[in-house]
């Protein structure tokens, strides 16, 4: 349970950092870099979520002894 709360805080931290970087880069006229920064942040968070979903499916398989 503690790791899930940590994951939520990690996602929130990445969101805040990406939003700040996006704002700074966009105000500096670097819209392309701002978009790439946002896309990178989404990719990082998506990898974390996919990893957690994999763990969830492994736990469900072990509980119901599917394989």
N, C-alpha and C. Protein backbone atom coordinates (compact mmCIF):
# COMPACT_ATOMS: atom_id res chain seq x y z
N UNK A 1 0.82 -1.19 0.00
CA UNK A 1 0.00 0.00 0.00
C UNK A 1 0.86 1.26 0.00
N UNK A 2 1.98 1.23 0.69
CA UNK A 2 2.85 2.40 0.73
C UNK A 2 3.44 2.75 -0.61
N UNK A 3 3.74 1.73 -1.41
CA UNK A 3 4.33 2.01 -2.72
C UNK A 3 3.33 2.67 -3.65
N UNK A 4 2.04 2.39 -3.47
CA UNK A 4 1.03 3.03 -4.31
C UNK A 4 0.95 4.52 -4.01
N UNK A 5 1.06 4.88 -2.74
CA UNK A 5 1.04 6.30 -2.38
C UNK A 5 2.31 6.97 -2.90
N UNK A 6 3.43 6.28 -2.82
CA UNK A 6 4.67 6.82 -3.37
C UNK A 6 4.55 7.04 -4.87
N UNK A 7 3.90 6.12 -5.55
CA UNK A 7 3.71 6.25 -6.99
C UNK A 7 2.86 7.48 -7.31
N UNK A 8 1.83 7.71 -6.52
CA UNK A 8 0.98 8.89 -6.74
C UNK A 8 1.79 10.17 -6.56
N UNK A 9 2.63 10.20 -5.53
CA UNK A 9 3.47 11.38 -5.31
C UNK A 9 4.50 11.55 -6.42
N UNK A 10 5.05 10.44 -6.92
CA UNK A 10 6.00 10.52 -8.04
C UNK A 10 5.32 11.10 -9.27
N UNK A 11 4.12 10.61 -9.56
CA UNK A 11 3.39 11.09 -10.74
C UNK A 11 3.07 12.57 -10.59
N UNK A 12 2.65 12.98 -9.40
CA UNK A 12 2.36 14.39 -9.16
C UNK A 12 3.62 15.24 -9.31
N UNK A 13 4.75 14.74 -8.80
CA UNK A 13 6.01 15.47 -8.93
C UNK A 13 6.43 15.62 -10.37
N UNK A 14 6.31 14.55 -11.14
CA UNK A 14 6.66 14.64 -12.56
C UNK A 14 5.72 15.61 -13.28
N UNK A 15 4.45 15.57 -12.92
CA UNK A 15 3.49 16.49 -13.52
C UNK A 15 3.83 17.94 -13.24
N UNK A 16 4.21 18.24 -12.00
CA UNK A 16 4.56 19.61 -11.65
C UNK A 16 5.83 20.05 -12.38
N UNK A 17 6.84 19.18 -12.40
CA UNK A 17 8.09 19.53 -13.08
C UNK A 17 7.89 19.71 -14.58
N UNK A 18 7.12 18.83 -15.19
CA UNK A 18 6.87 18.93 -16.63
C UNK A 18 6.07 20.19 -16.95
N UNK A 19 5.09 20.50 -16.10
CA UNK A 19 4.29 21.71 -16.33
C UNK A 19 5.15 22.96 -16.23
N UNK A 20 6.05 22.99 -15.25
CA UNK A 20 6.93 24.15 -15.10
C UNK A 20 7.89 24.26 -16.28
N UNK A 21 8.47 23.13 -16.68
CA UNK A 21 9.39 23.15 -17.82
C UNK A 21 8.66 23.55 -19.10
N UNK A 22 7.44 23.06 -19.26
CA UNK A 22 6.65 23.41 -20.45
C UNK A 22 6.37 24.91 -20.48
N UNK A 23 6.00 25.46 -19.33
CA UNK A 23 5.69 26.88 -19.27
C UNK A 23 6.93 27.73 -19.58
N UNK A 24 8.08 27.34 -19.00
CA UNK A 24 9.32 28.10 -19.23
C UNK A 24 9.74 28.02 -20.69
N UNK A 25 9.70 26.82 -21.25
CA UNK A 25 10.12 26.67 -22.64
C UNK A 25 9.17 27.36 -23.61
N UNK A 26 7.88 27.30 -23.32
CA UNK A 26 6.92 27.94 -24.22
C UNK A 26 7.05 29.46 -24.16
N UNK A 27 7.30 30.01 -22.97
CA UNK A 27 7.45 31.46 -22.86
C UNK A 27 8.77 31.92 -23.49
N UNK A 28 9.73 31.01 -23.61
CA UNK A 28 11.00 31.35 -24.25
C UNK A 28 10.93 31.18 -25.77
N UNK A 29 9.78 30.74 -26.27
CA UNK A 29 9.63 30.58 -27.71
C UNK A 29 10.09 29.23 -28.22
N UNK A 30 10.29 28.27 -27.36
CA UNK A 30 10.75 26.93 -27.75
C UNK A 30 9.59 25.94 -27.65
N UNK A 31 8.57 26.14 -28.48
CA UNK A 31 7.38 25.30 -28.40
C UNK A 31 7.68 23.84 -28.71
N UNK A 32 8.61 23.60 -29.62
CA UNK A 32 8.96 22.22 -29.97
C UNK A 32 9.57 21.49 -28.77
N UNK A 33 10.48 22.14 -28.08
CA UNK A 33 11.09 21.53 -26.90
C UNK A 33 10.08 21.35 -25.77
N UNK A 34 9.15 22.30 -25.67
CA UNK A 34 8.10 22.18 -24.65
C UNK A 34 7.24 20.95 -24.92
N UNK A 35 6.90 20.72 -26.19
CA UNK A 35 6.10 19.54 -26.54
C UNK A 35 6.87 18.26 -26.26
N UNK A 36 8.16 18.23 -26.59
CA UNK A 36 8.97 17.03 -26.36
C UNK A 36 9.11 16.77 -24.86
N UNK A 37 9.24 17.82 -24.07
CA UNK A 37 9.32 17.66 -22.62
C UNK A 37 8.03 17.06 -22.07
N UNK A 38 6.91 17.57 -22.55
CA UNK A 38 5.62 17.04 -22.10
C UNK A 38 5.46 15.59 -22.52
N UNK A 39 5.83 15.29 -23.73
CA UNK A 39 5.74 13.92 -24.23
C UNK A 39 6.63 12.98 -23.44
N UNK A 40 7.82 13.43 -23.07
CA UNK A 40 8.72 12.62 -22.25
C UNK A 40 8.15 12.36 -20.86
N UNK A 41 7.54 13.37 -20.26
CA UNK A 41 6.91 13.19 -18.96
C UNK A 41 5.77 12.20 -19.01
N UNK A 42 4.96 12.28 -20.06
CA UNK A 42 3.85 11.32 -20.21
C UNK A 42 4.39 9.92 -20.41
N UNK A 43 5.47 9.77 -21.16
CA UNK A 43 6.05 8.45 -21.41
C UNK A 43 6.59 7.84 -20.11
N UNK A 44 7.24 8.65 -19.29
CA UNK A 44 7.78 8.15 -18.02
C UNK A 44 6.66 7.66 -17.11
N UNK A 45 5.61 8.47 -16.99
CA UNK A 45 4.48 8.09 -16.13
C UNK A 45 3.78 6.87 -16.69
N UNK A 46 3.65 6.78 -18.00
CA UNK A 46 3.01 5.62 -18.62
C UNK A 46 3.80 4.34 -18.35
N UNK A 47 5.12 4.42 -18.38
CA UNK A 47 5.94 3.25 -18.07
C UNK A 47 5.73 2.81 -16.63
N UNK A 48 5.65 3.74 -15.68
CA UNK A 48 5.39 3.40 -14.28
C UNK A 48 4.04 2.71 -14.13
N UNK A 49 3.03 3.25 -14.80
CA UNK A 49 1.68 2.69 -14.68
C UNK A 49 1.62 1.30 -15.30
N UNK A 50 2.26 1.10 -16.44
CA UNK A 50 2.27 -0.22 -17.07
C UNK A 50 2.99 -1.23 -16.19
N UNK A 51 4.07 -0.82 -15.55
CA UNK A 51 4.77 -1.71 -14.63
C UNK A 51 3.87 -2.13 -13.48
N UNK A 52 3.13 -1.17 -12.92
CA UNK A 52 2.23 -1.48 -11.82
C UNK A 52 1.08 -2.38 -12.28
N UNK A 53 0.59 -2.19 -13.50
CA UNK A 53 -0.45 -3.07 -14.02
C UNK A 53 0.07 -4.49 -14.19
N UNK A 54 1.32 -4.62 -14.62
CA UNK A 54 1.93 -5.94 -14.72
C UNK A 54 2.00 -6.63 -13.37
N UNK A 55 2.37 -5.88 -12.34
CA UNK A 55 2.39 -6.44 -10.98
C UNK A 55 1.00 -6.86 -10.53
N UNK A 56 0.01 -6.04 -10.86
CA UNK A 56 -1.36 -6.38 -10.49
C UNK A 56 -1.81 -7.68 -11.15
N UNK A 57 -1.52 -7.84 -12.44
CA UNK A 57 -1.92 -9.06 -13.14
C UNK A 57 -1.19 -10.28 -12.59
N UNK A 58 0.08 -10.11 -12.20
CA UNK A 58 0.81 -11.23 -11.59
C UNK A 58 0.19 -11.62 -10.25
N UNK A 59 -0.23 -10.65 -9.47
CA UNK A 59 -0.87 -10.95 -8.19
C UNK A 59 -2.22 -11.64 -8.40
N UNK A 60 -2.98 -11.19 -9.40
CA UNK A 60 -4.27 -11.83 -9.67
C UNK A 60 -4.05 -13.28 -10.12
N UNK A 61 -3.04 -13.49 -10.96
CA UNK A 61 -2.74 -14.86 -11.40
C UNK A 61 -2.34 -15.74 -10.23
N UNK A 62 -1.56 -15.20 -9.30
CA UNK A 62 -1.14 -16.02 -8.17
C UNK A 62 -2.29 -16.29 -7.20
N UNK A 63 -3.19 -15.35 -7.05
CA UNK A 63 -4.31 -15.53 -6.14
C UNK A 63 -5.26 -16.60 -6.67
N UNK A 64 -5.56 -16.54 -7.96
CA UNK A 64 -6.50 -17.49 -8.54
C UNK A 64 -5.81 -18.72 -9.14
N UNK A 65 -4.48 -18.79 -9.01
CA UNK A 65 -3.69 -19.92 -9.51
C UNK A 65 -4.02 -20.21 -10.97
N UNK A 66 -3.92 -19.20 -11.80
CA UNK A 66 -4.27 -19.36 -13.21
C UNK A 66 -3.20 -20.10 -13.98
N UNK A 67 -1.93 -19.86 -13.65
CA UNK A 67 -0.84 -20.54 -14.36
C UNK A 67 0.15 -21.10 -13.39
